[in-house]
Amino acid sequence: MHDQPKLQPLERSEFFSDHRASRPPVDGAVARGELHEDELFYTGFENGELATQFPFAVTREVVEHGRQRFNIYCTPCHGQLGDGLGTVVQRGFQRPPSYHIDRLRQAPVGHFYNVISNGKGRMYSFNDRIQPNDRWAIVSYIRALQLSRHVSVNDLPPAVVAELNAEAAQ
């Protein structure tokens, strides 16, 4: 068992004409589960440009799932309000930009997906930690955070306005 007839990776072999034991992948081969044909879903780009739309319908459940993932992965730096005042910032780490600045409020959704996937500045990539559908859910929650700071009373449903008026009257 100790001396088996086998070839180790990158070992020289006389069996093949190129003398390599490791065979190169066949042209056009795709690893199982790695065929990412949906450019929008897997990259945050659409026709080479940052996406301005989500690859699926954003529902309350998607935003709620995004809030949960945001609280796990993002709040240590970005804070629960998305203002960049997370716990690591309070302990001396450089503050990330607030999601509520004009530049980021106007950024397309693909920008946030791309930054989560590939990192930017001091933020490292979460590509291997957060699945694509969870990244999109986080982006939906970031948009909800941004909208929450810049909503007008006129944009709210009448039932919500009535509830707010009732609370203010108490």
Protein backbone atom coordinates (compact mmCIF):
# COMPACT_ATOMS: atom_id res chain seq x y z
CA MET A 1 0.00 0.00 0.00
CA HIS A 2 2.90 2.33 0.69
CA ASP A 3 4.27 2.22 -2.87
CA GLN A 4 1.26 2.41 -5.17
CA PRO A 5 1.51 2.94 -8.93
CA LYS A 6 0.01 6.40 -9.16
CA LEU A 7 0.90 9.89 -10.33
CA GLN A 8 0.91 12.93 -8.08
CA PRO A 9 -0.36 16.31 -9.35
CA LEU A 10 2.26 18.15 -11.43
CA GLU A 11 4.47 15.05 -11.52
CA ARG A 12 6.26 14.13 -14.75
CA SER A 13 4.71 11.29 -16.71
CA GLU A 14 5.98 9.36 -19.72
CA PHE A 15 2.45 8.15 -20.47
CA PHE A 16 1.31 11.39 -22.15
CA SER A 17 3.14 13.12 -24.98
CA ASP A 18 3.35 16.42 -23.06
CA HIS A 19 4.90 14.54 -20.08
CA ARG A 20 2.38 15.99 -17.59
CA ALA A 21 0.52 13.76 -15.16
CA SER A 22 -2.18 16.39 -14.58
CA ARG A 23 -4.46 16.81 -17.56
CA PRO A 24 -5.67 20.27 -18.56
CA PRO A 25 -9.44 20.78 -18.55
CA VAL A 26 -11.22 20.19 -21.82
CA ASP A 27 -11.96 23.45 -23.67
CA GLY A 28 -15.41 24.72 -22.78
CA ALA A 29 -15.72 22.52 -19.68
CA VAL A 30 -17.62 24.07 -16.78
CA ALA A 31 -17.30 22.84 -13.22
CA ARG A 32 -20.52 21.41 -11.84
CA GLY A 33 -22.67 24.16 -10.34
CA GLU A 34 -20.50 26.93 -11.82
CA LEU A 35 -22.42 27.69 -15.04
CA HIS A 36 -23.47 31.24 -14.24
CA GLU A 37 -25.35 32.22 -17.37
CA ASP A 38 -27.50 34.87 -15.68
CA GLU A 39 -25.13 37.86 -15.78
CA LEU A 40 -27.45 40.08 -13.74
CA PHE A 41 -27.96 37.56 -10.92
CA TYR A 42 -24.33 36.47 -10.58
CA THR A 43 -22.43 39.71 -11.28
CA GLY A 44 -24.71 42.69 -10.68
CA PHE A 45 -24.04 43.83 -14.24
CA GLU A 46 -26.38 43.95 -17.20
CA ASN A 47 -24.89 44.29 -20.68
CA GLY A 48 -21.60 45.37 -19.13
CA GLU A 49 -23.18 48.15 -17.01
CA LEU A 50 -24.03 48.15 -13.31
CA ALA A 51 -27.56 46.83 -12.91
CA THR A 52 -30.33 49.28 -12.12
CA GLN A 53 -32.86 46.56 -11.34
CA PHE A 54 -33.07 43.44 -9.21
CA PRO A 55 -32.96 40.02 -10.91
CA PHE A 56 -36.18 38.99 -9.11
CA ALA A 57 -39.20 40.62 -7.52
CA VAL A 58 -38.41 42.25 -4.19
CA THR A 59 -41.01 41.22 -1.64
CA ARG A 60 -41.35 41.92 2.06
CA GLU A 61 -39.87 38.46 2.73
CA VAL A 62 -36.80 39.26 0.59
CA VAL A 63 -36.22 42.55 2.45
CA GLU A 64 -36.69 40.83 5.81
CA HIS A 65 -34.21 38.11 4.83
CA GLY A 66 -31.84 40.88 3.70
CA ARG A 67 -32.20 42.57 7.10
CA GLN A 68 -31.25 39.33 8.82
CA ARG A 69 -28.18 38.83 6.58
CA PHE A 70 -27.26 42.54 6.90
CA ASN A 71 -27.33 42.25 10.70
CA ILE A 72 -25.01 39.24 10.52
CA TYR A 73 -22.47 40.39 7.95
CA CYS A 74 -22.70 44.17 7.60
CA THR A 75 -23.55 45.79 10.94
CA PRO A 76 -20.12 45.35 12.54
CA CYS A 77 -18.80 48.02 10.15
CA HIS A 78 -21.85 49.73 8.65
CA GLY A 79 -24.01 49.85 11.79
CA GLN A 80 -27.66 48.87 12.08
CA LEU A 81 -28.78 52.14 10.47
CA GLY A 82 -26.30 51.96 7.59
CA ASP A 83 -24.60 55.12 8.83
CA GLY A 84 -21.11 53.59 9.05
CA LEU A 85 -21.02 53.59 12.86
CA GLY A 86 -20.71 49.88 13.57
CA THR A 87 -19.01 48.41 16.61
CA VAL A 88 -15.61 47.98 14.94
CA VAL A 89 -15.68 51.65 13.93
CA GLN A 90 -16.36 52.61 17.54
CA ARG A 91 -13.21 50.67 18.42
CA GLY A 92 -10.95 52.50 15.97
CA PHE A 93 -11.51 50.90 12.57
CA GLN A 94 -11.87 53.38 9.70
CA ARG A 95 -15.48 54.43 9.14
CA PRO A 96 -17.10 53.27 5.88
CA PRO A 97 -19.27 55.76 4.02
CA SER A 98 -22.87 56.09 5.14
CA TYR A 99 -25.45 54.55 2.82
CA HIS A 100 -27.38 57.80 3.20
CA ILE A 101 -25.01 60.09 1.32
CA ASP A 102 -26.23 61.26 -2.08
CA ARG A 103 -23.58 59.32 -4.02
CA LEU A 104 -24.74 56.00 -2.57
CA ARG A 105 -28.44 56.83 -2.58
CA GLN A 106 -28.14 57.41 -6.32
CA ALA A 107 -25.89 54.40 -6.97
CA PRO A 108 -27.49 51.58 -8.97
CA VAL A 109 -28.30 48.37 -7.10
CA GLY A 110 -25.58 46.58 -9.07
CA HIS A 111 -23.00 48.77 -7.33
CA PHE A 112 -23.89 47.35 -3.90
CA TYR A 113 -24.01 43.79 -5.22
CA ASN A 114 -20.60 44.26 -6.84
CA VAL A 115 -19.04 45.71 -3.68
CA ILE A 116 -20.42 42.85 -1.56
CA SER A 117 -19.08 40.35 -4.10
CA ASN A 118 -15.66 41.85 -4.81
CA GLY A 119 -14.97 44.29 -1.99
CA LYS A 120 -13.89 47.91 -2.32
CA GLY A 121 -11.46 50.05 -0.37
CA ARG A 122 -10.96 48.42 3.02
CA MET A 123 -13.97 46.16 2.59
CA TYR A 124 -12.96 42.67 1.56
CA SER A 125 -14.91 40.37 -0.72
CA PHE A 126 -17.80 38.40 0.73
CA ASN A 127 -18.07 36.34 -2.45
CA ASP A 128 -17.17 33.11 -0.67
CA ARG A 129 -19.26 33.86 2.44
CA ILE A 130 -22.58 35.14 1.11
CA GLN A 131 -24.55 33.36 -1.60
CA PRO A 132 -25.79 35.44 -4.59
CA ASN A 133 -29.46 35.38 -3.54
CA ASP A 134 -28.48 36.56 -0.05
CA ARG A 135 -26.35 39.36 -1.54
CA TRP A 136 -29.37 40.59 -3.50
CA ALA A 137 -31.51 40.38 -0.35
CA ILE A 138 -28.95 42.52 1.48
CA VAL A 139 -29.02 45.04 -1.37
CA SER A 140 -32.83 45.20 -1.08
CA TYR A 141 -32.47 45.94 2.64
CA ILE A 142 -29.85 48.63 1.98
CA ARG A 143 -32.35 50.27 -0.40
CA ALA A 144 -35.03 50.05 2.32
CA LEU A 145 -32.65 51.71 4.81
CA GLN A 146 -31.96 54.48 2.30
CA LEU A 147 -35.63 55.03 1.57
CA SER A 148 -36.51 55.06 5.26
CA ARG A 149 -34.51 58.25 5.81
CA HIS A 150 -35.89 60.09 2.81
CA VAL A 151 -39.56 59.22 2.73
CA SER A 152 -42.24 61.88 2.71
CA VAL A 153 -45.48 61.51 4.66
CA ASN A 154 -47.25 61.86 1.31
CA ASP A 155 -45.52 58.67 0.11
CA LEU A 156 -46.92 56.57 2.95
CA PRO A 157 -50.11 54.50 2.65
CA PRO A 158 -53.17 56.15 4.26
CA ALA A 159 -53.39 53.43 6.94
CA VAL A 160 -49.82 54.15 8.08
CA VAL A 161 -50.47 57.91 8.15
CA ALA A 162 -53.59 57.35 10.26
CA GLU A 163 -51.59 55.15 12.66
CA LEU A 164 -48.87 57.79 12.98
CA ASN A 165 -51.45 60.52 13.62
CA ALA A 166 -53.09 58.38 16.29
CA GLU A 167 -49.74 57.84 18.04
CA ALA A 168 -48.93 61.55 17.86
CA ALA A 169 -52.30 62.44 19.40
CA GLN A 170 -51.62 60.30 22.48
